[in-house]
N, C-alpha and C. Protein backbone atom coordinates (compact mmCIF):
# COMPACT_ATOMS: atom_id res chain seq x y z
N MET A 1 -24.55 80.57 192.57
CA MET A 1 -24.40 79.57 191.50
C MET A 1 -25.74 78.88 191.28
N ASN A 2 -26.16 78.84 190.03
CA ASN A 2 -27.44 78.21 189.72
C ASN A 2 -27.30 76.70 189.74
N SER A 3 -28.25 76.05 190.36
CA SER A 3 -28.25 74.58 190.37
C SER A 3 -28.81 74.06 189.06
N VAL A 4 -28.31 72.94 188.63
CA VAL A 4 -28.76 72.32 187.39
C VAL A 4 -29.78 71.25 187.72
N ASN A 5 -30.94 71.34 187.11
CA ASN A 5 -31.97 70.32 187.33
C ASN A 5 -31.57 69.03 186.61
N THR A 6 -31.60 67.95 187.32
CA THR A 6 -31.28 66.66 186.73
C THR A 6 -32.57 65.94 186.36
N ARG A 7 -32.74 65.71 185.07
CA ARG A 7 -33.94 65.02 184.63
C ARG A 7 -33.82 63.53 184.93
N PRO A 8 -34.93 62.89 185.25
CA PRO A 8 -34.89 61.44 185.46
C PRO A 8 -34.63 60.71 184.15
N GLN A 9 -34.06 59.53 184.25
CA GLN A 9 -33.90 58.70 183.06
C GLN A 9 -35.24 58.03 182.77
N ARG A 10 -35.75 58.26 181.59
CA ARG A 10 -37.05 57.73 181.22
C ARG A 10 -36.92 56.78 180.04
N LEU A 11 -37.63 55.67 180.10
CA LEU A 11 -37.65 54.71 179.01
C LEU A 11 -39.09 54.39 178.68
N ILE A 12 -39.45 54.53 177.41
CA ILE A 12 -40.81 54.20 176.97
C ILE A 12 -40.88 52.71 176.69
N ILE A 13 -41.89 52.07 177.23
CA ILE A 13 -42.13 50.64 176.99
C ILE A 13 -43.45 50.50 176.24
N GLY A 14 -43.39 49.94 175.06
CA GLY A 14 -44.60 49.65 174.29
C GLY A 14 -44.85 48.15 174.26
N ILE A 15 -46.09 47.77 174.46
CA ILE A 15 -46.47 46.36 174.33
C ILE A 15 -47.53 46.31 173.25
N SER A 16 -47.23 45.65 172.13
CA SER A 16 -48.20 45.53 171.05
C SER A 16 -48.73 44.10 171.00
N GLY A 17 -49.56 43.81 170.01
CA GLY A 17 -50.38 42.60 170.05
C GLY A 17 -49.76 41.30 169.62
N ALA A 18 -48.48 41.27 169.34
CA ALA A 18 -47.84 40.02 168.94
C ALA A 18 -47.77 39.05 170.11
N SER A 19 -47.62 37.77 169.80
CA SER A 19 -47.36 36.79 170.84
C SER A 19 -46.02 37.11 171.50
N GLY A 20 -45.91 36.79 172.78
CA GLY A 20 -44.69 37.11 173.50
C GLY A 20 -44.90 38.23 174.49
N ALA A 21 -46.13 38.34 175.01
CA ALA A 21 -46.45 39.41 175.96
C ALA A 21 -45.55 39.38 177.19
N ILE A 22 -45.02 38.21 177.51
CA ILE A 22 -44.17 38.08 178.69
C ILE A 22 -42.95 39.00 178.61
N TYR A 23 -42.49 39.30 177.39
CA TYR A 23 -41.33 40.17 177.26
C TYR A 23 -41.62 41.57 177.79
N GLY A 24 -42.78 42.11 177.46
CA GLY A 24 -43.14 43.43 177.97
C GLY A 24 -43.40 43.41 179.45
N VAL A 25 -44.10 42.39 179.91
CA VAL A 25 -44.43 42.28 181.33
C VAL A 25 -43.15 42.13 182.16
N ARG A 26 -42.28 41.26 181.74
CA ARG A 26 -41.05 41.02 182.48
C ARG A 26 -40.14 42.25 182.46
N LEU A 27 -40.13 42.97 181.35
CA LEU A 27 -39.33 44.18 181.25
C LEU A 27 -39.76 45.19 182.31
N LEU A 28 -41.06 45.34 182.50
CA LEU A 28 -41.57 46.24 183.53
C LEU A 28 -41.14 45.76 184.92
N GLU A 29 -41.21 44.45 185.15
CA GLU A 29 -40.80 43.90 186.44
C GLU A 29 -39.33 44.17 186.72
N LEU A 30 -38.49 43.99 185.70
CA LEU A 30 -37.05 44.16 185.88
C LEU A 30 -36.67 45.60 186.18
N LEU A 31 -37.40 46.55 185.59
CA LEU A 31 -37.05 47.96 185.75
C LEU A 31 -37.75 48.63 186.92
N ARG A 32 -38.70 47.92 187.54
CA ARG A 32 -39.54 48.54 188.57
C ARG A 32 -38.73 49.05 189.75
N ASP A 33 -37.68 48.34 190.15
CA ASP A 33 -36.90 48.74 191.32
C ASP A 33 -35.59 49.42 190.95
N THR A 34 -35.55 50.04 189.77
CA THR A 34 -34.38 50.78 189.32
C THR A 34 -34.72 52.27 189.30
N PRO A 35 -33.73 53.14 189.13
CA PRO A 35 -34.00 54.58 189.05
C PRO A 35 -34.67 55.01 187.74
N ILE A 36 -34.81 54.09 186.81
CA ILE A 36 -35.35 54.44 185.50
C ILE A 36 -36.87 54.52 185.53
N GLU A 37 -37.40 55.64 185.05
CA GLU A 37 -38.85 55.79 184.91
C GLU A 37 -39.32 55.01 183.69
N THR A 38 -40.34 54.19 183.86
CA THR A 38 -40.91 53.47 182.73
C THR A 38 -42.24 54.12 182.35
N HIS A 39 -42.37 54.44 181.08
CA HIS A 39 -43.57 55.08 180.55
C HIS A 39 -44.23 54.08 179.59
N LEU A 40 -45.33 53.51 180.05
CA LEU A 40 -45.95 52.36 179.39
C LEU A 40 -47.12 52.75 178.51
N VAL A 41 -47.18 52.14 177.33
CA VAL A 41 -48.35 52.24 176.47
C VAL A 41 -48.62 50.87 175.88
N VAL A 42 -49.88 50.44 175.95
CA VAL A 42 -50.28 49.09 175.55
C VAL A 42 -51.35 49.19 174.47
N SER A 43 -51.17 48.47 173.38
CA SER A 43 -52.16 48.51 172.31
C SER A 43 -53.40 47.71 172.69
N LYS A 44 -54.48 47.95 171.98
CA LYS A 44 -55.74 47.24 172.22
C LYS A 44 -55.56 45.74 172.01
N SER A 45 -54.88 45.38 170.94
CA SER A 45 -54.65 43.95 170.66
C SER A 45 -53.76 43.32 171.73
N ALA A 46 -52.83 44.11 172.25
CA ALA A 46 -51.92 43.57 173.27
C ALA A 46 -52.67 43.19 174.54
N LEU A 47 -53.72 43.93 174.87
CA LEU A 47 -54.49 43.59 176.07
C LEU A 47 -55.07 42.19 175.97
N ILE A 48 -55.48 41.81 174.76
CA ILE A 48 -56.01 40.47 174.54
C ILE A 48 -54.90 39.42 174.70
N THR A 49 -53.75 39.71 174.09
CA THR A 49 -52.64 38.77 174.15
C THR A 49 -52.10 38.64 175.57
N VAL A 50 -51.97 39.77 176.27
CA VAL A 50 -51.48 39.75 177.65
C VAL A 50 -52.39 38.89 178.52
N ALA A 51 -53.70 39.08 178.36
CA ALA A 51 -54.66 38.31 179.16
C ALA A 51 -54.56 36.82 178.85
N HIS A 52 -54.44 36.49 177.57
CA HIS A 52 -54.39 35.08 177.16
C HIS A 52 -53.10 34.40 177.60
N GLU A 53 -51.97 35.10 177.46
CA GLU A 53 -50.67 34.46 177.69
C GLU A 53 -50.18 34.57 179.13
N THR A 54 -50.65 35.58 179.86
CA THR A 54 -50.15 35.78 181.22
C THR A 54 -51.25 35.82 182.28
N GLY A 55 -52.49 35.98 181.84
CA GLY A 55 -53.59 36.10 182.80
C GLY A 55 -53.69 37.47 183.44
N LEU A 56 -52.93 38.44 182.96
CA LEU A 56 -52.93 39.77 183.53
C LEU A 56 -53.84 40.71 182.75
N SER A 57 -54.28 41.77 183.41
CA SER A 57 -55.11 42.80 182.79
C SER A 57 -54.36 44.12 182.83
N LEU A 58 -54.95 45.14 182.23
CA LEU A 58 -54.32 46.46 182.24
C LEU A 58 -54.18 46.98 183.67
N SER A 59 -55.14 46.68 184.50
CA SER A 59 -55.06 47.13 185.90
C SER A 59 -53.90 46.47 186.63
N ASP A 60 -53.48 45.28 186.17
CA ASP A 60 -52.31 44.61 186.76
C ASP A 60 -51.01 45.25 186.26
N LEU A 61 -51.02 45.71 185.01
CA LEU A 61 -49.82 46.27 184.41
C LEU A 61 -49.51 47.68 184.93
N LYS A 62 -50.55 48.45 185.17
CA LYS A 62 -50.35 49.86 185.53
C LYS A 62 -49.42 50.06 186.72
N PRO A 63 -49.58 49.30 187.82
CA PRO A 63 -48.68 49.51 188.96
C PRO A 63 -47.22 49.13 188.68
N MET A 64 -46.99 48.38 187.62
CA MET A 64 -45.63 47.98 187.29
C MET A 64 -44.85 49.11 186.65
N ALA A 65 -45.55 50.09 186.08
CA ALA A 65 -44.91 51.19 185.37
C ALA A 65 -44.95 52.46 186.20
N SER A 66 -44.00 53.36 185.91
CA SER A 66 -44.02 54.67 186.57
C SER A 66 -45.21 55.48 186.11
N VAL A 67 -45.47 55.41 184.78
CA VAL A 67 -46.60 56.12 184.18
C VAL A 67 -47.19 55.20 183.12
N CYS A 68 -48.51 55.19 183.02
CA CYS A 68 -49.20 54.39 182.00
C CYS A 68 -50.15 55.29 181.24
N TYR A 69 -50.11 55.21 179.91
CA TYR A 69 -50.93 56.05 179.04
C TYR A 69 -51.94 55.20 178.28
N ALA A 70 -53.08 55.80 177.99
CA ALA A 70 -54.04 55.16 177.09
C ALA A 70 -53.50 55.24 175.66
N ASN A 71 -53.69 54.18 174.91
CA ASN A 71 -53.15 54.16 173.55
C ASN A 71 -53.83 55.16 172.63
N GLN A 72 -54.98 55.67 173.04
CA GLN A 72 -55.68 56.67 172.24
C GLN A 72 -55.27 58.10 172.61
N ASP A 73 -54.46 58.25 173.64
CA ASP A 73 -54.11 59.57 174.15
C ASP A 73 -52.97 60.17 173.33
N ILE A 74 -53.29 60.69 172.17
CA ILE A 74 -52.24 61.22 171.28
C ILE A 74 -51.66 62.54 171.78
N GLY A 75 -52.25 63.08 172.85
CA GLY A 75 -51.70 64.29 173.46
C GLY A 75 -50.82 64.00 174.65
N ALA A 76 -50.48 62.74 174.87
CA ALA A 76 -49.65 62.35 176.01
C ALA A 76 -48.23 62.90 175.88
N ALA A 77 -47.53 62.94 176.99
CA ALA A 77 -46.17 63.49 177.01
C ALA A 77 -45.25 62.80 176.01
N ILE A 78 -45.36 61.46 175.90
CA ILE A 78 -44.44 60.71 175.04
C ILE A 78 -44.73 60.91 173.55
N ALA A 79 -45.78 61.67 173.24
CA ALA A 79 -46.08 61.98 171.84
C ALA A 79 -45.32 63.21 171.37
N SER A 80 -44.54 63.82 172.26
CA SER A 80 -43.80 65.03 171.92
C SER A 80 -42.31 64.80 172.05
N GLY A 81 -41.55 65.32 171.10
CA GLY A 81 -40.10 65.21 171.14
C GLY A 81 -39.48 66.04 172.24
N SER A 82 -40.21 67.02 172.77
CA SER A 82 -39.66 67.84 173.84
C SER A 82 -39.61 67.09 175.18
N PHE A 83 -40.32 65.96 175.25
CA PHE A 83 -40.30 65.11 176.44
C PHE A 83 -39.11 64.18 176.30
N LYS A 84 -38.05 64.42 177.06
CA LYS A 84 -36.80 63.71 176.87
C LYS A 84 -36.84 62.30 177.46
N THR A 85 -36.39 61.35 176.67
CA THR A 85 -36.33 59.95 177.10
C THR A 85 -35.03 59.33 176.58
N LEU A 86 -34.72 58.16 177.13
CA LEU A 86 -33.60 57.39 176.60
C LEU A 86 -33.95 56.76 175.26
N GLY A 87 -35.24 56.60 175.02
CA GLY A 87 -35.71 55.94 173.81
C GLY A 87 -36.89 55.04 174.14
N MET A 88 -37.06 54.00 173.34
CA MET A 88 -38.25 53.16 173.47
C MET A 88 -37.94 51.72 173.10
N ILE A 89 -38.54 50.82 173.84
CA ILE A 89 -38.51 49.39 173.51
C ILE A 89 -39.94 48.94 173.29
N VAL A 90 -40.20 48.30 172.15
CA VAL A 90 -41.51 47.70 171.89
C VAL A 90 -41.35 46.20 172.05
N ALA A 91 -41.98 45.67 173.12
CA ALA A 91 -41.76 44.27 173.49
C ALA A 91 -43.07 43.61 173.89
N PRO A 92 -43.59 42.76 173.03
CA PRO A 92 -43.14 42.44 171.69
C PRO A 92 -43.66 43.46 170.69
N CYS A 93 -43.14 43.38 169.48
CA CYS A 93 -43.58 44.29 168.41
C CYS A 93 -44.27 43.48 167.32
N SER A 94 -45.53 43.80 167.07
CA SER A 94 -46.29 43.11 166.02
C SER A 94 -45.90 43.64 164.64
N MET A 95 -46.23 42.90 163.61
CA MET A 95 -45.96 43.34 162.25
C MET A 95 -46.76 44.60 161.90
N ARG A 96 -47.98 44.71 162.44
CA ARG A 96 -48.78 45.90 162.17
C ARG A 96 -48.13 47.14 162.77
N SER A 97 -47.73 47.04 164.04
CA SER A 97 -47.07 48.19 164.67
C SER A 97 -45.78 48.53 163.96
N MET A 98 -45.01 47.51 163.61
CA MET A 98 -43.77 47.73 162.89
C MET A 98 -44.01 48.48 161.58
N SER A 99 -45.04 48.07 160.85
CA SER A 99 -45.34 48.68 159.55
C SER A 99 -45.79 50.13 159.71
N GLU A 100 -46.60 50.40 160.74
CA GLU A 100 -47.02 51.79 160.99
C GLU A 100 -45.83 52.67 161.30
N ILE A 101 -44.95 52.18 162.14
CA ILE A 101 -43.77 52.97 162.52
C ILE A 101 -42.91 53.25 161.29
N ALA A 102 -42.74 52.25 160.45
CA ALA A 102 -41.91 52.41 159.26
C ALA A 102 -42.50 53.42 158.29
N SER A 103 -43.83 53.45 158.18
CA SER A 103 -44.48 54.35 157.22
C SER A 103 -44.52 55.78 157.70
N GLY A 104 -44.47 55.99 159.03
CA GLY A 104 -44.61 57.33 159.57
C GLY A 104 -46.05 57.78 159.68
N VAL A 105 -46.98 56.94 159.23
CA VAL A 105 -48.41 57.25 159.33
C VAL A 105 -48.92 56.52 160.56
N THR A 106 -48.88 57.19 161.70
CA THR A 106 -49.16 56.54 162.98
C THR A 106 -50.56 56.88 163.47
N SER A 107 -51.28 55.86 163.93
CA SER A 107 -52.68 56.04 164.32
C SER A 107 -52.91 55.86 165.82
N THR A 108 -51.87 55.50 166.56
CA THR A 108 -52.01 55.27 168.00
C THR A 108 -50.85 55.94 168.73
N LEU A 109 -50.99 56.03 170.04
CA LEU A 109 -49.91 56.62 170.83
C LEU A 109 -48.65 55.76 170.76
N LEU A 110 -48.81 54.44 170.76
CA LEU A 110 -47.65 53.56 170.71
C LEU A 110 -46.80 53.85 169.47
N THR A 111 -47.43 53.87 168.31
CA THR A 111 -46.65 54.08 167.10
C THR A 111 -46.20 55.54 166.95
N ARG A 112 -47.01 56.49 167.46
CA ARG A 112 -46.59 57.89 167.45
C ARG A 112 -45.35 58.08 168.33
N ALA A 113 -45.34 57.47 169.51
CA ALA A 113 -44.19 57.59 170.40
C ALA A 113 -42.93 57.03 169.74
N ALA A 114 -43.08 55.91 169.04
CA ALA A 114 -41.94 55.32 168.34
C ALA A 114 -41.45 56.25 167.23
N ASP A 115 -42.38 56.88 166.53
CA ASP A 115 -42.03 57.82 165.47
C ASP A 115 -41.27 59.01 166.04
N VAL A 116 -41.71 59.48 167.20
CA VAL A 116 -41.03 60.59 167.87
C VAL A 116 -39.60 60.20 168.24
N VAL A 117 -39.43 59.01 168.76
CA VAL A 117 -38.09 58.53 169.11
C VAL A 117 -37.18 58.54 167.89
N LEU A 118 -37.71 58.11 166.75
CA LEU A 118 -36.91 58.11 165.52
C LEU A 118 -36.56 59.52 165.08
N LYS A 119 -37.53 60.42 165.09
CA LYS A 119 -37.26 61.77 164.58
C LYS A 119 -36.31 62.54 165.49
N GLU A 120 -36.31 62.19 166.78
CA GLU A 120 -35.40 62.84 167.72
C GLU A 120 -34.04 62.15 167.78
N ARG A 121 -33.86 61.13 166.94
CA ARG A 121 -32.61 60.37 166.85
C ARG A 121 -32.26 59.70 168.18
N ARG A 122 -33.29 59.21 168.85
CA ARG A 122 -33.08 58.42 170.05
C ARG A 122 -33.15 56.94 169.69
N ARG A 123 -32.90 56.09 170.64
CA ARG A 123 -32.81 54.65 170.36
C ARG A 123 -34.19 54.00 170.39
N LEU A 124 -34.50 53.27 169.34
CA LEU A 124 -35.75 52.52 169.24
C LEU A 124 -35.42 51.06 168.97
N ALA A 125 -35.80 50.19 169.90
CA ALA A 125 -35.57 48.75 169.75
C ALA A 125 -36.91 48.04 169.60
N LEU A 126 -37.06 47.29 168.53
CA LEU A 126 -38.30 46.60 168.23
C LEU A 126 -38.08 45.09 168.35
N MET A 127 -38.70 44.49 169.36
CA MET A 127 -38.59 43.04 169.55
C MET A 127 -39.68 42.36 168.72
N VAL A 128 -39.43 42.29 167.43
CA VAL A 128 -40.44 41.77 166.50
C VAL A 128 -40.65 40.28 166.72
N ARG A 129 -41.92 39.87 166.64
CA ARG A 129 -42.30 38.49 166.90
C ARG A 129 -43.15 37.99 165.75
N GLU A 130 -42.49 37.35 164.81
CA GLU A 130 -43.20 36.73 163.69
C GLU A 130 -42.26 35.77 163.00
N THR A 131 -42.81 34.68 162.49
CA THR A 131 -42.03 33.75 161.69
C THR A 131 -43.00 32.80 160.98
N PRO A 132 -42.71 32.41 159.76
CA PRO A 132 -41.64 32.93 158.90
C PRO A 132 -41.95 34.34 158.42
N LEU A 133 -40.98 34.96 157.77
CA LEU A 133 -41.11 36.34 157.31
C LEU A 133 -41.22 36.36 155.79
N HIS A 134 -42.17 37.15 155.28
CA HIS A 134 -42.23 37.30 153.82
C HIS A 134 -41.48 38.55 153.38
N ARG A 135 -41.46 38.79 152.09
CA ARG A 135 -40.64 39.86 151.53
C ARG A 135 -40.96 41.23 152.13
N ASN A 136 -42.26 41.54 152.30
CA ASN A 136 -42.62 42.86 152.82
C ASN A 136 -42.17 43.06 154.26
N HIS A 137 -42.24 41.98 155.06
CA HIS A 137 -41.71 42.07 156.42
C HIS A 137 -40.23 42.46 156.39
N LEU A 138 -39.48 41.76 155.56
CA LEU A 138 -38.03 41.98 155.49
C LEU A 138 -37.71 43.37 154.96
N ARG A 139 -38.47 43.81 153.96
CA ARG A 139 -38.22 45.15 153.41
C ARG A 139 -38.56 46.23 154.44
N THR A 140 -39.62 45.99 155.20
CA THR A 140 -39.99 46.96 156.24
C THR A 140 -38.92 47.03 157.31
N MET A 141 -38.36 45.88 157.67
CA MET A 141 -37.27 45.87 158.65
C MET A 141 -36.05 46.62 158.12
N THR A 142 -35.78 46.47 156.84
CA THR A 142 -34.67 47.20 156.23
C THR A 142 -34.93 48.70 156.28
N ASP A 143 -36.15 49.10 155.94
CA ASP A 143 -36.50 50.53 155.99
C ASP A 143 -36.31 51.09 157.40
N LEU A 144 -36.76 50.34 158.40
CA LEU A 144 -36.64 50.80 159.77
C LEU A 144 -35.17 50.89 160.21
N THR A 145 -34.38 49.92 159.80
CA THR A 145 -32.95 49.95 160.12
C THR A 145 -32.30 51.18 159.52
N GLU A 146 -32.67 51.52 158.29
CA GLU A 146 -32.11 52.70 157.64
C GLU A 146 -32.59 53.99 158.31
N LEU A 147 -33.75 53.94 158.96
CA LEU A 147 -34.25 55.09 159.71
C LEU A 147 -33.57 55.24 161.07
N GLY A 148 -32.88 54.20 161.50
CA GLY A 148 -32.18 54.27 162.78
C GLY A 148 -32.71 53.34 163.85
N ALA A 149 -33.79 52.63 163.57
CA ALA A 149 -34.33 51.67 164.54
C ALA A 149 -33.44 50.43 164.60
N ILE A 150 -33.57 49.69 165.69
CA ILE A 150 -32.85 48.42 165.85
C ILE A 150 -33.88 47.30 165.90
N ILE A 151 -33.77 46.38 164.96
CA ILE A 151 -34.65 45.21 164.94
C ILE A 151 -34.01 44.16 165.83
N ALA A 152 -34.68 43.84 166.93
CA ALA A 152 -34.09 42.95 167.94
C ALA A 152 -35.05 41.82 168.29
N PRO A 153 -35.20 40.83 167.40
CA PRO A 153 -36.07 39.70 167.72
C PRO A 153 -35.57 38.97 168.97
N PRO A 154 -36.46 38.49 169.81
CA PRO A 154 -36.04 37.77 171.02
C PRO A 154 -35.59 36.36 170.70
N VAL A 155 -34.39 36.25 170.17
CA VAL A 155 -33.84 34.95 169.77
C VAL A 155 -33.11 34.33 170.97
N PRO A 156 -33.45 33.11 171.37
CA PRO A 156 -32.80 32.49 172.53
C PRO A 156 -31.30 32.33 172.33
N ALA A 157 -30.54 32.57 173.38
CA ALA A 157 -29.09 32.40 173.35
C ALA A 157 -28.76 31.08 174.06
N PHE A 158 -28.63 30.03 173.29
CA PHE A 158 -28.43 28.71 173.91
C PHE A 158 -27.03 28.54 174.48
N TYR A 159 -26.06 29.39 174.05
CA TYR A 159 -24.73 29.30 174.63
C TYR A 159 -24.74 29.64 176.12
N ALA A 160 -25.78 30.36 176.56
CA ALA A 160 -25.89 30.70 177.99
C ALA A 160 -26.42 29.54 178.82
N LEU A 161 -26.76 28.43 178.16
CA LEU A 161 -27.25 27.23 178.83
C LEU A 161 -28.42 27.52 179.76
N PRO A 162 -29.48 28.11 179.23
CA PRO A 162 -30.64 28.42 180.08
C PRO A 162 -31.31 27.14 180.56
N LYS A 163 -31.75 27.17 181.80
CA LYS A 163 -32.43 26.01 182.38
C LYS A 163 -33.95 26.17 182.38
N THR A 164 -34.43 27.40 182.24
CA THR A 164 -35.87 27.66 182.27
C THR A 164 -36.23 28.68 181.20
N LEU A 165 -37.53 28.76 180.90
CA LEU A 165 -38.01 29.79 179.98
C LEU A 165 -37.77 31.18 180.56
N ASP A 166 -37.90 31.31 181.87
CA ASP A 166 -37.67 32.61 182.51
C ASP A 166 -36.24 33.09 182.26
N GLU A 167 -35.27 32.19 182.32
CA GLU A 167 -33.89 32.57 182.07
C GLU A 167 -33.70 33.01 180.63
N MET A 168 -34.39 32.34 179.69
CA MET A 168 -34.30 32.71 178.29
C MET A 168 -34.89 34.10 178.06
N VAL A 169 -36.03 34.37 178.69
CA VAL A 169 -36.68 35.67 178.56
C VAL A 169 -35.78 36.76 179.12
N ASP A 170 -35.24 36.53 180.32
CA ASP A 170 -34.39 37.53 180.96
C ASP A 170 -33.15 37.83 180.12
N HIS A 171 -32.56 36.81 179.56
CA HIS A 171 -31.35 37.02 178.76
C HIS A 171 -31.67 37.87 177.53
N SER A 172 -32.76 37.57 176.86
CA SER A 172 -33.15 38.36 175.67
C SER A 172 -33.39 39.82 176.05
N LEU A 173 -34.08 40.03 177.16
CA LEU A 173 -34.35 41.40 177.61
C LEU A 173 -33.06 42.11 178.05
N GLY A 174 -32.18 41.36 178.69
CA GLY A 174 -30.91 41.95 179.10
C GLY A 174 -30.09 42.43 177.92
N ARG A 175 -30.13 41.67 176.83
CA ARG A 175 -29.38 42.06 175.63
C ARG A 175 -30.00 43.30 174.98
N VAL A 176 -31.31 43.42 175.04
CA VAL A 176 -31.95 44.64 174.50
C VAL A 176 -31.63 45.83 175.40
N LEU A 177 -31.63 45.63 176.71
CA LEU A 177 -31.28 46.72 177.63
C LEU A 177 -29.82 47.14 177.45
N ASP A 178 -28.96 46.22 177.00
CA ASP A 178 -27.58 46.58 176.68
C ASP A 178 -27.53 47.72 175.67
N LEU A 179 -28.50 47.75 174.76
CA LEU A 179 -28.53 48.79 173.73
C LEU A 179 -28.71 50.17 174.33
N PHE A 180 -29.23 50.22 175.56
CA PHE A 180 -29.46 51.48 176.25
C PHE A 180 -28.46 51.69 177.40
N ASP A 181 -27.44 50.83 177.43
CA ASP A 181 -26.43 50.85 178.50
C ASP A 181 -27.06 50.70 179.88
N ILE A 182 -28.06 49.84 179.96
CA ILE A 182 -28.72 49.53 181.22
C ILE A 182 -28.29 48.13 181.64
N GLU A 183 -27.59 48.04 182.74
CA GLU A 183 -27.06 46.77 183.23
C GLU A 183 -27.82 46.33 184.47
N LEU A 184 -28.47 45.17 184.38
CA LEU A 184 -29.22 44.63 185.51
C LEU A 184 -28.65 43.31 186.02
N GLY A 185 -27.54 42.87 185.43
CA GLY A 185 -26.91 41.64 185.88
C GLY A 185 -27.65 40.38 185.49
N ILE A 186 -28.42 40.43 184.41
CA ILE A 186 -29.21 39.26 184.01
C ILE A 186 -28.69 38.59 182.74
N VAL A 187 -27.60 39.12 182.18
CA VAL A 187 -27.04 38.55 180.96
C VAL A 187 -25.85 37.68 181.31
N ARG A 188 -25.89 36.46 180.84
CA ARG A 188 -24.74 35.56 181.00
C ARG A 188 -23.83 35.76 179.80
N ARG A 189 -22.76 36.50 179.99
CA ARG A 189 -21.97 36.99 178.87
C ARG A 189 -20.89 36.00 178.42
N TRP A 190 -20.74 35.90 177.12
CA TRP A 190 -19.81 34.95 176.53
C TRP A 190 -18.38 35.29 176.92
N ARG A 191 -17.74 34.36 177.60
CA ARG A 191 -16.33 34.41 177.96
C ARG A 191 -15.94 35.64 178.76
N GLU A 192 -16.89 36.26 179.46
CA GLU A 192 -16.56 37.44 180.24
C GLU A 192 -15.56 37.12 181.35
N ASN A 193 -15.64 35.91 181.89
CA ASN A 193 -14.72 35.51 182.95
C ASN A 193 -13.64 34.56 182.46
N ASP A 194 -13.41 34.59 181.15
CA ASP A 194 -12.40 33.71 180.55
C ASP A 194 -11.01 34.10 181.07
N THR A 195 -10.26 33.12 181.52
CA THR A 195 -8.92 33.37 182.05
C THR A 195 -7.83 33.26 181.00
N GLY A 196 -8.26 33.00 179.74
CA GLY A 196 -7.28 32.89 178.68
C GLY A 196 -6.88 31.46 178.38
N THR A 197 -7.55 30.52 179.01
CA THR A 197 -7.21 29.10 178.81
C THR A 197 -7.98 28.48 177.66
N GLY A 198 -8.88 29.31 177.03
CA GLY A 198 -9.67 28.77 175.93
C GLY A 198 -10.99 28.22 176.39
N ALA A 199 -11.25 28.29 177.70
CA ALA A 199 -12.51 27.79 178.22
C ALA A 199 -13.11 28.84 179.13
N SER A 200 -14.40 28.77 179.31
CA SER A 200 -15.09 29.72 180.19
C SER A 200 -15.96 28.95 181.15
N SER A 201 -15.89 29.31 182.42
CA SER A 201 -16.63 28.56 183.44
C SER A 201 -18.10 28.87 183.45
N ASP A 202 -18.53 29.98 182.78
CA ASP A 202 -19.94 30.35 182.90
C ASP A 202 -20.64 30.44 181.56
N THR A 203 -20.10 29.77 180.55
CA THR A 203 -20.76 29.76 179.26
C THR A 203 -20.74 28.35 178.69
N GLY A 204 -21.40 28.20 177.55
CA GLY A 204 -21.46 26.90 176.92
C GLY A 204 -20.21 26.61 176.12
N PRO A 205 -20.17 25.46 175.45
CA PRO A 205 -19.02 25.08 174.66
C PRO A 205 -18.87 25.94 173.42
N ALA A 206 -17.67 25.95 172.86
CA ALA A 206 -17.40 26.75 171.66
C ALA A 206 -18.19 26.20 170.48
N ASP A 207 -18.40 27.05 169.50
CA ASP A 207 -19.09 26.65 168.28
C ASP A 207 -18.28 25.60 167.55
N ASP A 208 -18.91 24.49 167.18
CA ASP A 208 -18.18 23.39 166.54
C ASP A 208 -17.55 23.80 165.24
N ASP A 209 -18.25 24.68 164.47
CA ASP A 209 -17.69 25.11 163.19
C ASP A 209 -16.39 25.86 163.39
N HIS A 210 -16.37 26.73 164.42
CA HIS A 210 -15.16 27.49 164.70
C HIS A 210 -14.05 26.57 165.20
N ALA A 211 -14.44 25.62 166.02
CA ALA A 211 -13.43 24.73 166.58
C ALA A 211 -12.77 23.90 165.50
N ALA A 212 -13.54 23.59 164.46
CA ALA A 212 -13.03 22.71 163.40
C ALA A 212 -12.24 23.47 162.34
N SER A 213 -12.37 24.77 162.34
CA SER A 213 -11.73 25.54 161.26
C SER A 213 -10.27 25.84 161.58
């Protein structure tokens, strides 16, 4: 009987130049001790943002990932659809990277890898970081949604009653990992432990609008 080779679960992590570098850094930390292989690519602009916001350099990021690629390496494994992955998370995702991915005219490994994920019909989650948004931003997000991408801005979930910024970051990342069916126990889920009494011991109060209706 022939044995079946079991491929490792691989997840591509892209860090682009938007503010919010902690999302990409923390994502690597959370996945480091799991069976999931993380394949990291960091844009040139992201290196500046990572250094400014976290004090880390590329040499600090590399050990956090299973594999790290140069953003100019368009011949890397993640540039090919034959390299099987669960998909890709871009955390954070800049407007420039988002626009390149939407157009299909990709000039870096980060955006090429995202394009590959889309063409292979795998899951692509973009943690876009920009506000306010103008018409072209919104139209680009619509185009990407129609292509199959998921626009997942890191919006704080105040119903989880976070006490620190770290808890807010972890919750946002946990919700994005939910899209890949990856459970790390970092999401405080609404009414998951509700006993049916109308109250939940581990969540915030009900929405006032709903309560009043």
